[in-house]
Amino acid sequence: MTSIDLAYPRIPSRSSGAEGYESHYLTAVAPGGGRAVWIRYTNDKPAGQPARGRLWCTVFDRAAEAPLARRTTGPGEIAVAGVGEIAETTPKEIAGSAAGEAAGAGRGSWAQIDGATIGPGMASGQLKDIGWELEWHGETPVLGYLPKSWLYDRSWPRSNGAALAPTATFAGQLEVAGERIDLNGWRGMVGHNWGADHADRWIWAHVTSLGERDEKGWLDMVLARARVGRWLTPWLPAGAIEVDGVRKRIGLGGETRGLRVAVERERVVVELPNLAGGGLRLEATTPARSTVNWDYVTPDGSSRDVRNCSIASGTIELGDGPAIEIDGRLVVEVGE
């Protein structure tokens, strides 16, 4: 997996006739749970058109009635129908921005969109009444979701991804409507996904720290259903769990026999009974009041409905050991 750079931006090198999407993103959660931020720097490129950058930020607070969500958009964009106060704003309305459709990466960065930047060890930006200046330190090697490096950047799968920092510690600050939030010591991850199109359906679950079982342990798991002609594949799992200093890959090998997935509006269950070490079971609760609903526009103009709760709670069971309780620190995203 080290033969290719899983961080560098793909959209700027696509031909003018090609279509695609790309996101560099991060999520950071307060050590005690119940509060989190999720930030995305996205490029959408329809065929025959220049790429257009969009910036997203959602702030989650269990004490609030709903998440606070912001994103840039342009004329003709699909309206967001979501939970919480979601404000759409054109690039010209963003403080300190430079108007323009294309969003590219500058020197030393992965993406620059309307004055906001993300790159190795840092992220900054201003989006309406939310601003951030962050530093992050990755604590474990890159996790590629595809099992082999040669599978990346091909016609199929049409979606690629990696956790650039499967677990990271953050420093810096977030300012929300005049309130300054100190992010020093918050934990989370930094990721990158791209391709010709989004998967047709997906589930993403992430948690940093497995509590009393392993404070330094983490889980980063993706399941996707991809279209092959008229058919949808079964759920295809990827990712890893690191516990007691051992990283266990989650992939398409024999350990995924018996995979079971259940998705409800406020509940997600994933069971991998044959994962090495006695299996894995994740059950997550995603309360509607702590969930944001976004639309992810695809290069062909259609969209995916996406639900994200970055302060979900749940349990992780490993083998026959006691369940690991996760309170307000579990990130769960469902796309369909």
C-alpha atoms as a PDB file:
ATOM      1  CA  MET A   1       0.000   0.000   0.000  1.00  0.00           C
ATOM      2  CA  THR A   2       3.047   2.278   0.227  1.00  0.00           C
ATOM      3  CA  SER A   3       3.687   2.277  -3.545  1.00  0.00           C
ATOM      4  CA  ILE A   4       1.196   5.078  -4.173  1.00  0.00           C
ATOM      5  CA  ASP A   5       0.476   8.335  -2.394  1.00  0.00           C
ATOM      6  CA  LEU A   6      -2.987   8.007  -0.878  1.00  0.00           C
ATOM      7  CA  ALA A   7      -3.112  11.669   0.171  1.00  0.00           C
ATOM      8  CA  TYR A   8      -2.307  13.660  -2.953  1.00  0.00           C
ATOM      9  CA  PRO A   9      -5.226  15.303  -4.804  1.00  0.00           C
ATOM     10  CA  ARG A  10      -6.539  13.533  -7.897  1.00  0.00           C
ATOM     11  CA  ILE A  11      -9.044  16.016  -9.330  1.00  0.00           C
ATOM     12  CA  PRO A  12      -6.487  18.608 -10.571  1.00  0.00           C
ATOM     13  CA  SER A  13      -4.864  15.975 -12.810  1.00  0.00           C
ATOM     14  CA  ARG A  14      -8.107  14.706 -14.401  1.00  0.00           C
ATOM     15  CA  SER A  15      -8.632  15.428 -18.078  1.00  0.00           C
ATOM     16  CA  SER A  16     -11.202  18.055 -19.021  1.00  0.00           C
ATOM     17  CA  GLY A  17     -13.613  15.422 -20.279  1.00  0.00           C
ATOM     18  CA  ALA A  18     -13.414  13.222 -17.206  1.00  0.00           C
ATOM     19  CA  GLU A  19     -15.805  13.361 -14.283  1.00  0.00           C
ATOM     20  CA  GLY A  20     -15.083  12.740 -10.633  1.00  0.00           C
ATOM     21  CA  TYR A  21     -15.330  13.798  -7.013  1.00  0.00           C
ATOM     22  CA  GLU A  22     -12.834  14.118  -4.196  1.00  0.00           C
ATOM     23  CA  SER A  23     -12.912  14.907  -0.472  1.00  0.00           C
ATOM     24  CA  HIS A  24     -10.251  15.460   2.141  1.00  0.00           C
ATOM     25  CA  TYR A  25     -11.939  15.484   5.509  1.00  0.00           C
ATOM     26  CA  LEU A  26     -11.470  15.219   9.251  1.00  0.00           C
ATOM     27  CA  THR A  27     -13.512  14.494  12.326  1.00  0.00           C
ATOM     28  CA  ALA A  28     -12.519  15.422  15.871  1.00  0.00           C
ATOM     29  CA  VAL A  29     -14.388  14.410  19.035  1.00  0.00           C
ATOM     30  CA  ALA A  30     -14.095  15.779  22.572  1.00  0.00           C
ATOM     31  CA  PRO A  31     -12.348  13.340  24.961  1.00  0.00           C
ATOM     32  CA  GLY A  32     -15.465  12.934  27.088  1.00  0.00           C
ATOM     33  CA  GLY A  33     -17.740  12.574  24.054  1.00  0.00           C
ATOM     34  CA  GLY A  34     -20.909  14.474  23.269  1.00  0.00           C
ATOM     35  CA  ARG A  35     -19.237  17.175  21.170  1.00  0.00           C
ATOM     36  CA  ALA A  36     -17.564  16.872  17.760  1.00  0.00           C
ATOM     37  CA  VAL A  37     -16.729  18.655  14.519  1.00  0.00           C
ATOM     38  CA  TRP A  38     -16.734  17.222  10.996  1.00  0.00           C
ATOM     39  CA  ILE A  39     -15.066  19.205   8.174  1.00  0.00           C
ATOM     40  CA  ARG A  40     -14.867  18.351   4.460  1.00  0.00           C
ATOM     41  CA  TYR A  41     -13.017  19.959   1.557  1.00  0.00           C
ATOM     42  CA  THR A  42     -14.684  18.654  -1.612  1.00  0.00           C
ATOM     43  CA  ASN A  43     -14.204  18.933  -5.375  1.00  0.00           C
ATOM     44  CA  ASP A  44     -16.984  17.924  -7.768  1.00  0.00           C
ATOM     45  CA  LYS A  45     -16.129  17.719 -11.470  1.00  0.00           C
ATOM     46  CA  PRO A  46     -18.817  17.031 -14.072  1.00  0.00           C
ATOM     47  CA  ALA A  47     -17.614  15.706 -17.444  1.00  0.00           C
ATOM     48  CA  GLY A  48     -16.423  18.499 -19.720  1.00  0.00           C
ATOM     49  CA  GLN A  49     -16.582  21.125 -16.966  1.00  0.00           C
ATOM     50  CA  PRO A  50     -14.061  22.562 -14.513  1.00  0.00           C
ATOM     51  CA  ALA A  51     -14.014  21.303 -10.949  1.00  0.00           C
ATOM     52  CA  ARG A  52     -15.985  23.218  -8.361  1.00  0.00           C
ATOM     53  CA  GLY A  53     -14.849  23.265  -4.755  1.00  0.00           C
ATOM     54  CA  ARG A  54     -17.210  23.117  -1.811  1.00  0.00           C
ATOM     55  CA  LEU A  55     -16.471  23.496   1.875  1.00  0.00           C
ATOM     56  CA  TRP A  56     -18.484  21.790   4.608  1.00  0.00           C
ATOM     57  CA  CYS A  57     -18.516  22.030   8.398  1.00  0.00           C
ATOM     58  CA  THR A  58     -20.882  20.440  10.920  1.00  0.00           C
ATOM     59  CA  VAL A  59     -20.652  20.968  14.679  1.00  0.00           C
ATOM     60  CA  PHE A  60     -22.300  18.381  16.928  1.00  0.00           C
ATOM     61  CA  ASP A  61     -23.282  19.031  20.546  1.00  0.00           C
ATOM     62  CA  ARG A  62     -25.371  16.586  22.534  1.00  0.00           C
ATOM     63  CA  ALA A  63     -26.704  19.474  24.618  1.00  0.00           C
ATOM     64  CA  ALA A  64     -28.046  21.268  21.523  1.00  0.00           C
ATOM     65  CA  GLU A  65     -31.364  20.637  19.826  1.00  0.00           C
ATOM     66  CA  ALA A  66     -29.619  19.769  16.551  1.00  0.00           C
ATOM     67  CA  PRO A  67     -26.218  19.948  14.814  1.00  0.00           C
ATOM     68  CA  LEU A  68     -25.052  23.258  13.368  1.00  0.00           C
ATOM     69  CA  ALA A  69     -24.207  22.746   9.689  1.00  0.00           C
ATOM     70  CA  ARG A  70     -22.698  24.968   7.000  1.00  0.00           C
ATOM     71  CA  ARG A  71     -21.529  24.466   3.428  1.00  0.00           C
ATOM     72  CA  THR A  72     -20.730  26.466   0.316  1.00  0.00           C
ATOM     73  CA  THR A  73     -22.754  25.945  -2.822  1.00  0.00           C
ATOM     74  CA  GLY A  74     -23.298  27.470  -6.226  1.00  0.00           C
ATOM     75  CA  PRO A  75     -26.257  28.303  -8.464  1.00  0.00           C
ATOM     76  CA  GLY A  76     -28.356  25.284  -9.338  1.00  0.00           C
ATOM     77  CA  GLU A  77     -27.166  23.125  -6.471  1.00  0.00           C
ATOM     78  CA  ILE A  78     -29.610  20.660  -4.935  1.00  0.00           C
ATOM     79  CA  ALA A  79     -31.100  22.143  -1.768  1.00  0.00           C
ATOM     80  CA  VAL A  80     -30.143  20.473   1.494  1.00  0.00           C
ATOM     81  CA  ALA A  81     -32.947  19.020   3.586  1.00  0.00           C
ATOM     82  CA  GLY A  82     -31.387  18.251   6.922  1.00  0.00           C
ATOM     83  CA  VAL A  83     -31.695  18.288  10.661  1.00  0.00           C
ATOM     84  CA  GLY A  84     -30.330  21.374  12.325  1.00  0.00           C
ATOM     85  CA  GLU A  85     -29.588  24.879  11.153  1.00  0.00           C
ATOM     86  CA  ILE A  86     -28.043  24.371   7.725  1.00  0.00           C
ATOM     87  CA  ALA A  87     -26.970  27.445   5.826  1.00  0.00           C
ATOM     88  CA  GLU A  88     -26.093  27.418   2.146  1.00  0.00           C
ATOM     89  CA  THR A  89     -23.758  30.182   1.039  1.00  0.00           C
ATOM     90  CA  THR A  90     -22.117  31.009  -2.265  1.00  0.00           C
ATOM     91  CA  PRO A  91     -18.324  31.380  -2.408  1.00  0.00           C
ATOM     92  CA  LYS A  92     -18.551  35.186  -2.594  1.00  0.00           C
ATOM     93  CA  GLU A  93     -20.278  35.244   0.806  1.00  0.00           C
ATOM     94  CA  ILE A  94     -17.425  33.553   2.638  1.00  0.00           C
ATOM     95  CA  ALA A  95     -15.192  35.874   4.586  1.00  0.00           C
ATOM     96  CA  GLY A  96     -11.789  36.297   3.012  1.00  0.00           C
ATOM     97  CA  SER A  97     -12.560  34.143  -0.004  1.00  0.00           C
ATOM     98  CA  ALA A  98     -11.610  34.519  -3.601  1.00  0.00           C
ATOM     99  CA  ALA A  99     -14.534  33.933  -5.939  1.00  0.00           C
ATOM    100  CA  GLY A 100     -14.144  31.218  -8.529  1.00  0.00           C
ATOM    101  CA  GLU A 101     -15.394  27.776  -9.481  1.00  0.00           C
ATOM    102  CA  ALA A 102     -12.223  25.731  -9.460  1.00  0.00           C
ATOM    103  CA  ALA A 103     -10.638  24.530  -6.272  1.00  0.00           C
ATOM    104  CA  GLY A 104      -7.114  23.222  -6.356  1.00  0.00           C
ATOM    105  CA  ALA A 105      -4.302  22.280  -4.055  1.00  0.00           C
ATOM    106  CA  GLY A 106      -1.547  24.723  -3.296  1.00  0.00           C
ATOM    107  CA  ARG A 107       2.015  23.982  -2.405  1.00  0.00           C
ATOM    108  CA  GLY A 108       2.178  21.912   0.753  1.00  0.00           C
ATOM    109  CA  SER A 109      -1.578  21.388   0.899  1.00  0.00           C
ATOM    110  CA  TRP A 110      -4.065  18.799  -0.323  1.00  0.00           C
ATOM    111  CA  ALA A 111      -6.938  21.179  -1.013  1.00  0.00           C
ATOM    112  CA  GLN A 112      -7.607  24.915  -0.980  1.00  0.00           C
ATOM    113  CA  ILE A 113     -11.225  26.024  -1.230  1.00  0.00           C
ATOM    114  CA  ASP A 114     -12.317  29.648  -0.815  1.00  0.00           C
ATOM    115  CA  GLY A 115      -9.349  30.444   1.391  1.00  0.00           C
ATOM    116  CA  ALA A 116      -9.678  27.293   3.486  1.00  0.00           C
ATOM    117  CA  THR A 117      -6.803  24.800   3.464  1.00  0.00           C
ATOM    118  CA  ILE A 118      -6.135  21.241   4.534  1.00  0.00           C
ATOM    119  CA  GLY A 119      -2.775  19.525   4.320  1.00  0.00           C
ATOM    120  CA  PRO A 120      -0.293  17.439   6.270  1.00  0.00           C
ATOM    121  CA  GLY A 121      -0.814  18.170   9.959  1.00  0.00           C
ATOM    122  CA  MET A 122      -3.091  21.190   9.566  1.00  0.00           C
ATOM    123  CA  ALA A 123      -6.518  22.503   8.554  1.00  0.00           C
ATOM    124  CA  SER A 124      -7.950  26.018   8.537  1.00  0.00           C
ATOM    125  CA  GLY A 125     -10.972  27.813   7.201  1.00  0.00           C
ATOM    126  CA  GLN A 126     -13.862  30.197   7.662  1.00  0.00           C
ATOM    127  CA  LEU A 127     -17.423  29.292   6.711  1.00  0.00           C
ATOM    128  CA  LYS A 128     -20.077  31.884   7.533  1.00  0.00           C
ATOM    129  CA  ASP A 129     -20.082  32.035  11.371  1.00  0.00           C
ATOM    130  CA  ILE A 130     -17.774  29.039  11.896  1.00  0.00           C
ATOM    131  CA  GLY A 131     -13.986  29.288  11.747  1.00  0.00           C
ATOM    132  CA  TRP A 132     -11.209  26.852  12.560  1.00  0.00           C
ATOM    133  CA  GLU A 133      -7.435  26.741  12.940  1.00  0.00           C
ATOM    134  CA  LEU A 134      -6.354  23.185  13.650  1.00  0.00           C
ATOM    135  CA  GLU A 135      -3.240  21.112  13.892  1.00  0.00           C
ATOM    136  CA  TRP A 136      -3.301  17.353  14.051  1.00  0.00           C
ATOM    137  CA  HIS A 137      -0.795  14.617  14.742  1.00  0.00           C
ATOM    138  CA  GLY A 138      -1.336  11.163  13.256  1.00  0.00           C
ATOM    139  CA  GLU A 139      -0.554   8.314  15.635  1.00  0.00           C
ATOM    140  CA  THR A 140      -0.612   5.279  13.348  1.00  0.00           C
ATOM    141  CA  PRO A 141       0.247   4.505   9.690  1.00  0.00           C
ATOM    142  CA  VAL A 142      -2.082   5.198   6.769  1.00  0.00           C
ATOM    143  CA  LEU A 143      -4.911   2.713   6.304  1.00  0.00           C
ATOM    144  CA  GLY A 144      -5.882   2.054   2.683  1.00  0.00           C
ATOM    145  CA  TYR A 145      -9.399   0.738   2.293  1.00  0.00           C
ATOM    146  CA  LEU A 146      -8.683  -1.171  -0.928  1.00  0.00           C
ATOM    147  CA  PRO A 147      -6.700  -4.369  -0.316  1.00  0.00           C
ATOM    148  CA  LYS A 148      -4.060  -3.802  -3.038  1.00  0.00           C
ATOM    149  CA  SER A 149      -2.438  -0.608  -4.276  1.00  0.00           C
ATOM    150  CA  TRP A 150      -3.011  -1.549  -7.935  1.00  0.00           C
ATOM    151  CA  LEU A 151      -6.786  -1.359  -7.377  1.00  0.00           C
ATOM    152  CA  TYR A 152      -6.637   2.405  -6.881  1.00  0.00           C
ATOM    153  CA  ASP A 153      -7.434   4.922  -9.648  1.00  0.00           C
ATOM    154  CA  ARG A 154      -8.991   2.406 -12.027  1.00  0.00           C
ATOM    155  CA  SER A 155     -12.329   2.323 -13.836  1.00  0.00           C
ATOM    156  CA  TRP A 156     -13.638  -0.056 -11.163  1.00  0.00           C
ATOM    157  CA  PRO A 157     -14.069   0.343  -8.286  1.00  0.00           C
ATOM    158  CA  ARG A 158     -15.371   3.811  -9.065  1.00  0.00           C
ATOM    159  CA  SER A 159     -14.805   4.931  -5.476  1.00  0.00           C
ATOM    160  CA  ASN A 160     -11.431   4.967  -3.691  1.00  0.00           C
ATOM    161  CA  GLY A 161     -10.545   5.842  -0.119  1.00  0.00           C
ATOM    162  CA  ALA A 162      -8.072   5.794   2.741  1.00  0.00           C
ATOM    163  CA  ALA A 163      -7.761   6.864   6.350  1.00  0.00           C
ATOM    164  CA  LEU A 164      -4.673   9.073   6.114  1.00  0.00           C
ATOM    165  CA  ALA A 165      -4.545   9.201   9.917  1.00  0.00           C
ATOM    166  CA  PRO A 166      -6.758   6.424  11.333  1.00  0.00           C
ATOM    167  CA  THR A 167      -6.247   7.981  14.752  1.00  0.00           C
ATOM    168  CA  ALA A 168      -5.055  11.519  15.404  1.00  0.00           C
ATOM    169  CA  THR A 169      -4.795  14.030  18.230  1.00  0.00           C
ATOM    170  CA  PHE A 170      -5.868  17.604  17.514  1.00  0.00           C
ATOM    171  CA  ALA A 171      -4.863  21.024  18.782  1.00  0.00           C
ATOM    172  CA  GLY A 172      -6.166  24.472  17.982  1.00  0.00           C
ATOM    173  CA  GLN A 173      -9.535  26.100  18.123  1.00  0.00           C
ATOM    174  CA  LEU A 174     -12.994  26.203  16.607  1.00  0.00           C
ATOM    175  CA  GLU A 175     -15.053  29.387  16.724  1.00  0.00           C
ATOM    176  CA  VAL A 176     -18.827  29.019  16.432  1.00  0.00           C
ATOM    177  CA  ALA A 177     -20.999  32.149  16.405  1.00  0.00           C
ATOM    178  CA  GLY A 178     -18.500  33.979  18.597  1.00  0.00           C
ATOM    179  CA  GLU A 179     -17.884  31.082  20.992  1.00  0.00           C
ATOM    180  CA  ARG A 180     -14.310  29.817  21.034  1.00  0.00           C
ATOM    181  CA  ILE A 181     -13.924  26.069  21.573  1.00  0.00           C
ATOM    182  CA  ASP A 182     -10.524  24.715  22.583  1.00  0.00           C
ATOM    183  CA  LEU A 183      -9.807  21.520  20.620  1.00  0.00           C
ATOM    184  CA  ASN A 184      -6.549  20.631  22.371  1.00  0.00           C
ATOM    185  CA  GLY A 185      -6.613  16.917  23.130  1.00  0.00           C
ATOM    186  CA  TRP A 186      -9.614  16.126  20.941  1.00  0.00           C
ATOM    187  CA  ARG A 187      -9.224  12.812  19.113  1.00  0.00           C
ATOM    188  CA  GLY A 188     -10.350  11.717  15.676  1.00  0.00           C
ATOM    189  CA  MET A 189      -9.154  10.877  12.186  1.00  0.00           C
ATOM    190  CA  VAL A 190      -8.225  12.400   8.829  1.00  0.00           C
ATOM    191  CA  GLY A 191      -9.379  10.805   5.587  1.00  0.00           C
ATOM    192  CA  HIS A 192      -9.452  11.043   1.797  1.00  0.00           C
ATOM    193  CA  ASN A 193     -11.898   9.614  -0.729  1.00  0.00           C
ATOM    194  CA  TRP A 194     -12.204  10.122  -4.463  1.00  0.00           C
ATOM    195  CA  GLY A 195     -13.244   8.520  -7.723  1.00  0.00           C
ATOM    196  CA  ALA A 196     -15.588   8.710 -10.678  1.00  0.00           C
ATOM    197  CA  ASP A 197     -18.634   8.320  -8.436  1.00  0.00           C
ATOM    198  CA  HIS A 198     -19.728   7.615  -4.870  1.00  0.00           C
ATOM    199  CA  ALA A 199     -20.606   4.084  -3.880  1.00  0.00           C
ATOM    200  CA  ASP A 200     -24.333   3.343  -4.183  1.00  0.00           C
ATOM    201  CA  ARG A 201     -24.603   2.634  -0.459  1.00  0.00           C
ATOM    202  CA  TRP A 202     -22.105   2.836   2.367  1.00  0.00           C
ATOM    203  CA  ILE A 203     -21.601   2.753   6.113  1.00  0.00           C
ATOM    204  CA  TRP A 204     -18.634   4.322   7.856  1.00  0.00           C
ATOM    205  CA  ALA A 205     -17.896   3.856  11.550  1.00  0.00           C
ATOM    206  CA  HIS A 206     -14.962   5.319  13.456  1.00  0.00           C
ATOM    207  CA  VAL A 207     -13.907   5.560  17.076  1.00  0.00           C
ATOM    208  CA  THR A 208     -10.617   6.587  18.648  1.00  0.00           C
ATOM    209  CA  SER A 209      -9.996   4.933  22.031  1.00  0.00           C
ATOM    210  CA  LEU A 210     -11.556   1.652  23.059  1.00  0.00           C
ATOM    211  CA  GLY A 211     -12.046   2.808  26.618  1.00  0.00           C
ATOM    212  CA  GLU A 212     -10.890   0.628  29.483  1.00  0.00           C
ATOM    213  CA  ARG A 213     -10.045  -2.196  27.078  1.00  0.00           C
ATOM    214  CA  ASP A 214      -7.419  -0.164  25.226  1.00  0.00           C
ATOM    215  CA  GLU A 215      -7.138   3.628  25.512  1.00  0.00           C
ATOM    216  CA  LYS A 216      -4.957   3.747  22.383  1.00  0.00           C
ATOM    217  CA  GLY A 217      -7.099   1.317  20.403  1.00  0.00           C
ATOM    218  CA  TRP A 218      -9.304   2.402  17.501  1.00  0.00           C
ATOM    219  CA  LEU A 219     -11.758   1.214  14.874  1.00  0.00           C
ATOM    220  CA  ASP A 220     -12.133   2.556  11.346  1.00  0.00           C
ATOM    221  CA  MET A 221     -14.524   0.490   9.231  1.00  0.00           C
ATOM    222  CA  VAL A 222     -16.203   1.069   5.868  1.00  0.00           C
ATOM    223  CA  LEU A 223     -18.820  -1.111   4.187  1.00  0.00           C
ATOM    224  CA  ALA A 224     -19.987  -0.360   0.650  1.00  0.00           C
ATOM    225  CA  ARG A 225     -22.273  -1.686  -2.026  1.00  0.00           C
ATOM    226  CA  ALA A 226     -21.058  -0.885  -5.532  1.00  0.00           C
ATOM    227  CA  ARG A 227     -22.864  -1.101  -8.832  1.00  0.00           C
ATOM    228  CA  VAL A 228     -21.670  -3.516 -11.520  1.00  0.00           C
ATOM    229  CA  GLY A 229     -23.890  -2.965 -14.538  1.00  0.00           C
ATOM    230  CA  ARG A 230     -27.472  -3.390 -13.311  1.00  0.00           C
ATOM    231  CA  TRP A 231     -26.415  -5.227 -10.180  1.00  0.00           C
ATOM    232  CA  LEU A 232     -25.391  -4.144  -6.715  1.00  0.00           C
ATOM    233  CA  THR A 233     -22.670  -6.082  -4.961  1.00  0.00           C
ATOM    234  CA  PRO A 234     -23.252  -7.438  -1.454  1.00  0.00           C
ATOM    235  CA  TRP A 235     -21.785  -5.384   1.372  1.00  0.00           C
ATOM    236  CA  LEU A 236     -18.004  -5.164   0.868  1.00  0.00           C
ATOM    237  CA  PRO A 237     -16.131  -4.474   4.138  1.00  0.00           C
ATOM    238  CA  ALA A 238     -12.830  -2.652   4.584  1.00  0.00           C
ATOM    239  CA  GLY A 239     -10.798  -0.980   7.303  1.00  0.00           C
ATOM    240  CA  ALA A 240      -9.183  -2.196  10.496  1.00  0.00           C
ATOM    241  CA  ILE A 241      -9.402  -2.389  14.238  1.00  0.00           C
ATOM    242  CA  GLU A 242      -6.308  -1.911  16.374  1.00  0.00           C
ATOM    243  CA  VAL A 243      -6.481  -3.361  19.868  1.00  0.00           C
ATOM    244  CA  ASP A 244      -3.749  -4.298  22.336  1.00  0.00           C
ATOM    245  CA  GLY A 245      -1.185  -3.001  19.832  1.00  0.00           C
ATOM    246  CA  VAL A 246      -2.278  -5.367  17.046  1.00  0.00           C
ATOM    247  CA  ARG A 247      -3.915  -4.099  13.847  1.00  0.00           C
ATOM    248  CA  LYS A 248      -6.482  -6.495  12.389  1.00  0.00           C
ATOM    249  CA  ARG A 249      -7.464  -5.803   8.795  1.00  0.00           C
ATOM    250  CA  ILE A 250     -11.120  -5.928   7.821  1.00  0.00           C
ATOM    251  CA  GLY A 251     -11.349  -7.001   4.198  1.00  0.00           C
ATOM    252  CA  LEU A 252     -12.701  -9.525   1.731  1.00  0.00           C
ATOM    253  CA  GLY A 253     -10.927 -12.596   3.075  1.00  0.00           C
ATOM    254  CA  GLY A 254     -12.444 -15.584   4.799  1.00  0.00           C
ATOM    255  CA  GLU A 255     -12.754 -13.645   8.036  1.00  0.00           C
ATOM    256  CA  THR A 256     -15.751 -11.799   6.555  1.00  0.00           C
ATOM    257  CA  ARG A 257     -17.838 -14.938   6.058  1.00  0.00           C
ATOM    258  CA  GLY A 258     -21.121 -14.561   7.879  1.00  0.00           C
ATOM    259  CA  LEU A 259     -21.087 -10.759   7.630  1.00  0.00           C
ATOM    260  CA  ARG A 260     -24.397  -9.332   8.811  1.00  0.00           C
ATOM    261  CA  VAL A 261     -25.512  -5.731   8.422  1.00  0.00           C
ATOM    262  CA  ALA A 262     -28.652  -4.000   9.690  1.00  0.00           C
ATOM    263  CA  VAL A 263     -29.368  -0.336   9.000  1.00  0.00           C
ATOM    264  CA  GLU A 264     -32.274   1.500  10.606  1.00  0.00           C
ATOM    265  CA  ARG A 265     -32.970   5.194  10.911  1.00  0.00           C
ATOM    266  CA  GLU A 266     -31.356   5.499  14.349  1.00  0.00           C
ATOM    267  CA  ARG A 267     -29.451   2.225  14.641  1.00  0.00           C
ATOM    268  CA  VAL A 268     -26.671   0.407  12.792  1.00  0.00           C
ATOM    269  CA  VAL A 269     -25.435  -3.114  13.508  1.00  0.00           C
ATOM    270  CA  VAL A 270     -22.445  -4.804  11.841  1.00  0.00           C
ATOM    271  CA  GLU A 271     -21.352  -8.340  12.726  1.00  0.00           C
ATOM    272  CA  LEU A 272     -18.132  -9.994  11.530  1.00  0.00           C
ATOM    273  CA  PRO A 273     -18.265 -13.346  13.341  1.00  0.00           C
ATOM    274  CA  ASN A 274     -15.144 -14.742  11.651  1.00  0.00           C
ATOM    275  CA  LEU A 275     -12.759 -11.837  12.128  1.00  0.00           C
ATOM    276  CA  ALA A 276      -9.512 -13.048  13.684  1.00  0.00           C
ATOM    277  CA  GLY A 277      -9.626 -13.127  17.452  1.00  0.00           C
ATOM    278  CA  GLY A 278     -13.192 -14.316  17.832  1.00  0.00           C
ATOM    279  CA  GLY A 279     -15.170 -11.881  15.719  1.00  0.00           C
ATOM    280  CA  LEU A 280     -16.411  -8.313  15.978  1.00  0.00           C
ATOM    281  CA  ARG A 281     -19.856  -6.876  16.557  1.00  0.00           C
ATOM    282  CA  LEU A 282     -20.657  -3.162  16.427  1.00  0.00           C
ATOM    283  CA  GLU A 283     -23.999  -1.750  17.478  1.00  0.00           C
ATOM    284  CA  ALA A 284     -24.465   2.015  17.231  1.00  0.00           C
ATOM    285  CA  THR A 285     -27.304   4.336  18.204  1.00  0.00           C
ATOM    286  CA  THR A 286     -27.592   7.522  16.137  1.00  0.00           C
ATOM    287  CA  PRO A 287     -30.246   9.809  17.665  1.00  0.00           C
ATOM    288  CA  ALA A 288     -32.058  11.944  15.089  1.00  0.00           C
ATOM    289  CA  ARG A 289     -31.459  15.142  17.074  1.00  0.00           C
ATOM    290  CA  SER A 290     -27.690  14.494  16.917  1.00  0.00           C
ATOM    291  CA  THR A 291     -27.645  13.590  13.209  1.00  0.00           C
ATOM    292  CA  VAL A 292     -27.162  15.835  10.190  1.00  0.00           C
ATOM    293  CA  ASN A 293     -28.622  14.974   6.776  1.00  0.00           C
ATOM    294  CA  TRP A 294     -26.643  16.065   3.721  1.00  0.00           C
ATOM    295  CA  ASP A 295     -26.954  15.411  -0.001  1.00  0.00           C
ATOM    296  CA  TYR A 296     -23.749  14.334  -1.749  1.00  0.00           C
ATOM    297  CA  VAL A 297     -23.990  15.474  -5.362  1.00  0.00           C
ATOM    298  CA  THR A 298     -22.509  13.019  -7.854  1.00  0.00           C
ATOM    299  CA  PRO A 299     -20.636  14.075 -11.009  1.00  0.00           C
ATOM    300  CA  ASP A 300     -23.650  13.183 -13.185  1.00  0.00           C
ATOM    301  CA  GLY A 301     -25.900  15.551 -11.208  1.00  0.00           C
ATOM    302  CA  SER A 302     -27.751  12.982  -9.115  1.00  0.00           C
ATOM    303  CA  SER A 303     -27.157  12.705  -5.375  1.00  0.00           C
ATOM    304  CA  ARG A 304     -26.849  10.398  -2.386  1.00  0.00           C
ATOM    305  CA  ASP A 305     -28.678  11.012   0.866  1.00  0.00           C
ATOM    306  CA  VAL A 306     -26.192  10.925   3.724  1.00  0.00           C
ATOM    307  CA  ARG A 307     -26.766  10.810   7.485  1.00  0.00           C
ATOM    308  CA  ASN A 308     -23.874  11.534   9.820  1.00  0.00           C
ATOM    309  CA  CYS A 309     -23.855  11.358  13.604  1.00  0.00           C
ATOM    310  CA  SER A 310     -20.387  12.123  14.957  1.00  0.00           C
ATOM    311  CA  ILE A 311     -21.453  11.743  18.602  1.00  0.00           C
ATOM    312  CA  ALA A 312     -23.160   8.360  18.393  1.00  0.00           C
ATOM    313  CA  SER A 313     -23.049   5.848  21.234  1.00  0.00           C
ATOM    314  CA  GLY A 314     -22.847   2.086  21.107  1.00  0.00           C
ATOM    315  CA  THR A 315     -20.948  -1.074  21.929  1.00  0.00           C
ATOM    316  CA  ILE A 316     -18.100  -3.008  20.351  1.00  0.00           C
ATOM    317  CA  GLU A 317     -17.802  -6.708  21.145  1.00  0.00           C
ATOM    318  CA  LEU A 318     -14.558  -8.555  20.429  1.00  0.00           C
ATOM    319  CA  GLY A 319     -14.665 -12.321  20.799  1.00  0.00           C
ATOM    320  CA  ASP A 320     -16.184 -13.431  24.069  1.00  0.00           C
ATOM    321  CA  GLY A 321     -14.791 -10.469  26.024  1.00  0.00           C
ATOM    322  CA  PRO A 322     -16.989  -7.866  27.718  1.00  0.00           C
ATOM    323  CA  ALA A 323     -18.662  -5.287  25.509  1.00  0.00           C
ATOM    324  CA  ILE A 324     -16.748  -2.022  25.085  1.00  0.00           C
ATOM    325  CA  GLU A 325     -19.090   0.871  25.822  1.00  0.00           C
ATOM    326  CA  ILE A 326     -18.722   3.970  23.648  1.00  0.00           C
ATOM    327  CA  ASP A 327     -20.597   7.032  24.912  1.00  0.00           C
ATOM    328  CA  GLY A 328     -20.947   9.962  22.520  1.00  0.00           C
ATOM    329  CA  ARG A 329     -17.606   9.323  20.766  1.00  0.00           C
ATOM    330  CA  LEU A 330     -18.612   7.099  17.853  1.00  0.00           C
ATOM    331  CA  VAL A 331     -18.772   8.525  14.323  1.00  0.00           C
ATOM    332  CA  VAL A 332     -21.345   6.827  12.086  1.00  0.00           C
ATOM    333  CA  GLU A 333     -22.208   7.796   8.522  1.00  0.00           C
ATOM    334  CA  VAL A 334     -24.779   6.112   6.264  1.00  0.00           C
ATOM    335  CA  GLY A 335     -25.073   6.919   2.566  1.00  0.00           C
ATOM    336  CA  GLU A 336     -27.795   5.638   0.258  1.00  0.00           C
END
